């Protein structure tokens, strides 16, 4: 298989911090809003991805595979306890940030 080469500009390479996500969908697309939640501040969307349902499913499978390999190498990733504000409403899933998460980097 031929290896793909990608170009990435400096702004994209820097990345954007995120510690939460909002996921919504229509019949034709999935929307992933990645948010940064800081104590005492209004959460802000740092990045939005829009993709097809087919690509969203492929992304989910790739994430699952990568998480399995990560945990096999580094150990289990602890899951935060569910909180009442993490809800599913009108096709939207809210994944809230960990309260104790350090976002200083």
C-alpha atoms as a PDB file:
ATOM      1  CA  UNK A   1       0.000   0.000   0.000  1.00  0.00           C
ATOM      2  CA  UNK A   2       1.330   3.412  -0.980  1.00  0.00           C
ATOM      3  CA  UNK A   3       1.949   5.740   1.946  1.00  0.00           C
ATOM      4  CA  UNK A   4       0.000   9.007   1.765  1.00  0.00           C
ATOM      5  CA  UNK A   5       1.774  12.274   2.408  1.00  0.00           C
ATOM      6  CA  UNK A   6      -0.146  15.130   3.961  1.00  0.00           C
ATOM      7  CA  UNK A   7       0.585  18.822   4.162  1.00  0.00           C
ATOM      8  CA  UNK A   8      -0.263  20.717   7.338  1.00  0.00           C
ATOM      9  CA  UNK A   9       0.013  24.459   7.888  1.00  0.00           C
ATOM     10  CA  UNK A  10       1.572  25.882  11.059  1.00  0.00           C
ATOM     11  CA  UNK A  11      -1.737  27.041  12.541  1.00  0.00           C
ATOM     12  CA  UNK A  12      -3.306  23.594  12.176  1.00  0.00           C
ATOM     13  CA  UNK A  13      -0.142  21.885  13.408  1.00  0.00           C
ATOM     14  CA  UNK A  14      -0.383  23.830  16.670  1.00  0.00           C
ATOM     15  CA  UNK A  15      -3.648  22.093  17.491  1.00  0.00           C
ATOM     16  CA  UNK A  16      -6.475  23.413  19.610  1.00  0.00           C
ATOM     17  CA  UNK A  17      -7.105  22.483  23.242  1.00  0.00           C
ATOM     18  CA  UNK A  18     -10.348  20.685  23.992  1.00  0.00           C
ATOM     19  CA  UNK A  19     -11.762  18.900  27.003  1.00  0.00           C
ATOM     20  CA  UNK A  20     -15.353  18.366  25.934  1.00  0.00           C
ATOM     21  CA  UNK A  21     -17.458  17.765  22.859  1.00  0.00           C
ATOM     22  CA  UNK A  22     -20.943  18.206  21.468  1.00  0.00           C
ATOM     23  CA  UNK A  23     -21.974  15.675  18.842  1.00  0.00           C
ATOM     24  CA  UNK A  24     -25.058  16.149  16.693  1.00  0.00           C
ATOM     25  CA  UNK A  25     -26.314  14.733  13.431  1.00  0.00           C
ATOM     26  CA  UNK A  26     -28.753  15.214  10.584  1.00  0.00           C
ATOM     27  CA  UNK A  27     -29.700  12.535   8.065  1.00  0.00           C
ATOM     28  CA  UNK A  28     -26.764  13.678   5.897  1.00  0.00           C
ATOM     29  CA  UNK A  29     -23.968  14.685   8.268  1.00  0.00           C
ATOM     30  CA  UNK A  30     -22.395  14.457  11.705  1.00  0.00           C
ATOM     31  CA  UNK A  31     -21.227  17.572  13.528  1.00  0.00           C
ATOM     32  CA  UNK A  32     -18.483  17.393  16.137  1.00  0.00           C
ATOM     33  CA  UNK A  33     -18.061  20.589  18.167  1.00  0.00           C
ATOM     34  CA  UNK A  34     -14.967  20.384  20.364  1.00  0.00           C
ATOM     35  CA  UNK A  35     -15.163  22.725  23.341  1.00  0.00           C
ATOM     36  CA  UNK A  36     -12.821  24.119  25.951  1.00  0.00           C
ATOM     37  CA  UNK A  37     -14.370  24.351  29.406  1.00  0.00           C
ATOM     38  CA  UNK A  38     -12.515  26.466  31.964  1.00  0.00           C
ATOM     39  CA  UNK A  39     -13.737  27.096  35.518  1.00  0.00           C
ATOM     40  CA  UNK A  40     -15.636  30.371  35.824  1.00  0.00           C
ATOM     41  CA  UNK A  41     -15.701  30.965  32.061  1.00  0.00           C
ATOM     42  CA  UNK A  42     -18.212  30.397  29.303  1.00  0.00           C
ATOM     43  CA  UNK A  43     -17.280  27.205  27.372  1.00  0.00           C
ATOM     44  CA  UNK A  44     -16.086  27.959  23.844  1.00  0.00           C
ATOM     45  CA  UNK A  45     -16.106  25.862  20.696  1.00  0.00           C
ATOM     46  CA  UNK A  46     -12.474  25.558  19.600  1.00  0.00           C
ATOM     47  CA  UNK A  47     -13.099  23.471  16.510  1.00  0.00           C
ATOM     48  CA  UNK A  48     -15.979  22.049  14.458  1.00  0.00           C
ATOM     49  CA  UNK A  49     -15.789  19.027  12.198  1.00  0.00           C
ATOM     50  CA  UNK A  50     -18.554  18.202   9.745  1.00  0.00           C
ATOM     51  CA  UNK A  51     -18.523  14.809   8.045  1.00  0.00           C
ATOM     52  CA  UNK A  52     -20.694  12.154   6.445  1.00  0.00           C
ATOM     53  CA  UNK A  53     -22.307   9.362   8.501  1.00  0.00           C
ATOM     54  CA  UNK A  54     -20.078   6.841   6.707  1.00  0.00           C
ATOM     55  CA  UNK A  55     -16.913   8.735   7.634  1.00  0.00           C
ATOM     56  CA  UNK A  56     -18.162   9.235  11.224  1.00  0.00           C
ATOM     57  CA  UNK A  57     -18.535   5.461  11.571  1.00  0.00           C
ATOM     58  CA  UNK A  58     -15.037   4.885  10.151  1.00  0.00           C
ATOM     59  CA  UNK A  59     -13.700   7.509  12.602  1.00  0.00           C
ATOM     60  CA  UNK A  60     -15.427   5.728  15.508  1.00  0.00           C
ATOM     61  CA  UNK A  61     -13.874   2.400  14.526  1.00  0.00           C
ATOM     62  CA  UNK A  62     -10.443   3.982  14.192  1.00  0.00           C
ATOM     63  CA  UNK A  63     -10.784   5.640  17.620  1.00  0.00           C
ATOM     64  CA  UNK A  64     -11.856   2.327  19.185  1.00  0.00           C
ATOM     65  CA  UNK A  65      -8.875   0.541  17.620  1.00  0.00           C
ATOM     66  CA  UNK A  66      -6.450   3.243  18.750  1.00  0.00           C
ATOM     67  CA  UNK A  67      -7.880   3.262  22.288  1.00  0.00           C
ATOM     68  CA  UNK A  68      -7.468  -0.531  22.523  1.00  0.00           C
ATOM     69  CA  UNK A  69      -3.845  -0.260  21.395  1.00  0.00           C
ATOM     70  CA  UNK A  70      -3.188   2.682  23.754  1.00  0.00           C
ATOM     71  CA  UNK A  71      -4.613   0.820  26.754  1.00  0.00           C
ATOM     72  CA  UNK A  72      -2.690  -2.354  25.858  1.00  0.00           C
ATOM     73  CA  UNK A  73       0.502  -0.298  25.999  1.00  0.00           C
ATOM     74  CA  UNK A  74      -0.169   2.193  28.808  1.00  0.00           C
ATOM     75  CA  UNK A  75      -2.992   0.682  30.877  1.00  0.00           C
ATOM     76  CA  UNK A  76      -6.687   1.402  31.213  1.00  0.00           C
ATOM     77  CA  UNK A  77      -7.897   4.956  30.822  1.00  0.00           C
ATOM     78  CA  UNK A  78     -10.174   5.796  33.779  1.00  0.00           C
ATOM     79  CA  UNK A  79     -13.643   6.948  32.786  1.00  0.00           C
ATOM     80  CA  UNK A  80     -15.238   9.879  34.616  1.00  0.00           C
ATOM     81  CA  UNK A  81     -18.467   9.210  36.490  1.00  0.00           C
ATOM     82  CA  UNK A  82     -21.501  10.288  34.447  1.00  0.00           C
ATOM     83  CA  UNK A  83     -23.000  13.598  35.482  1.00  0.00           C
ATOM     84  CA  UNK A  84     -26.612  14.751  35.101  1.00  0.00           C
ATOM     85  CA  UNK A  85     -25.709  17.451  32.552  1.00  0.00           C
ATOM     86  CA  UNK A  86     -24.267  14.838  30.203  1.00  0.00           C
ATOM     87  CA  UNK A  87     -27.405  14.142  28.256  1.00  0.00           C
ATOM     88  CA  UNK A  88     -28.785  13.092  24.931  1.00  0.00           C
ATOM     89  CA  UNK A  89     -31.422  15.453  23.612  1.00  0.00           C
ATOM     90  CA  UNK A  90     -32.798  15.989  20.119  1.00  0.00           C
ATOM     91  CA  UNK A  91     -30.037  13.994  18.464  1.00  0.00           C
ATOM     92  CA  UNK A  92     -27.253  15.779  20.326  1.00  0.00           C
ATOM     93  CA  UNK A  93     -24.827  14.128  22.723  1.00  0.00           C
ATOM     94  CA  UNK A  94     -22.985  16.311  25.220  1.00  0.00           C
ATOM     95  CA  UNK A  95     -19.660  15.035  26.505  1.00  0.00           C
ATOM     96  CA  UNK A  96     -18.621  17.289  29.372  1.00  0.00           C
ATOM     97  CA  UNK A  97     -15.097  17.982  30.525  1.00  0.00           C
ATOM     98  CA  UNK A  98     -13.515  16.419  33.587  1.00  0.00           C
ATOM     99  CA  UNK A  99     -13.718  18.822  36.519  1.00  0.00           C
ATOM    100  CA  UNK A 100     -10.204  17.962  37.678  1.00  0.00           C
ATOM    101  CA  UNK A 101      -8.641  18.107  34.228  1.00  0.00           C
ATOM    102  CA  UNK A 102      -5.571  20.321  33.875  1.00  0.00           C
ATOM    103  CA  UNK A 103      -5.860  22.517  30.768  1.00  0.00           C
ATOM    104  CA  UNK A 104      -2.742  24.598  31.325  1.00  0.00           C
ATOM    105  CA  UNK A 105      -0.722  23.269  28.347  1.00  0.00           C
END
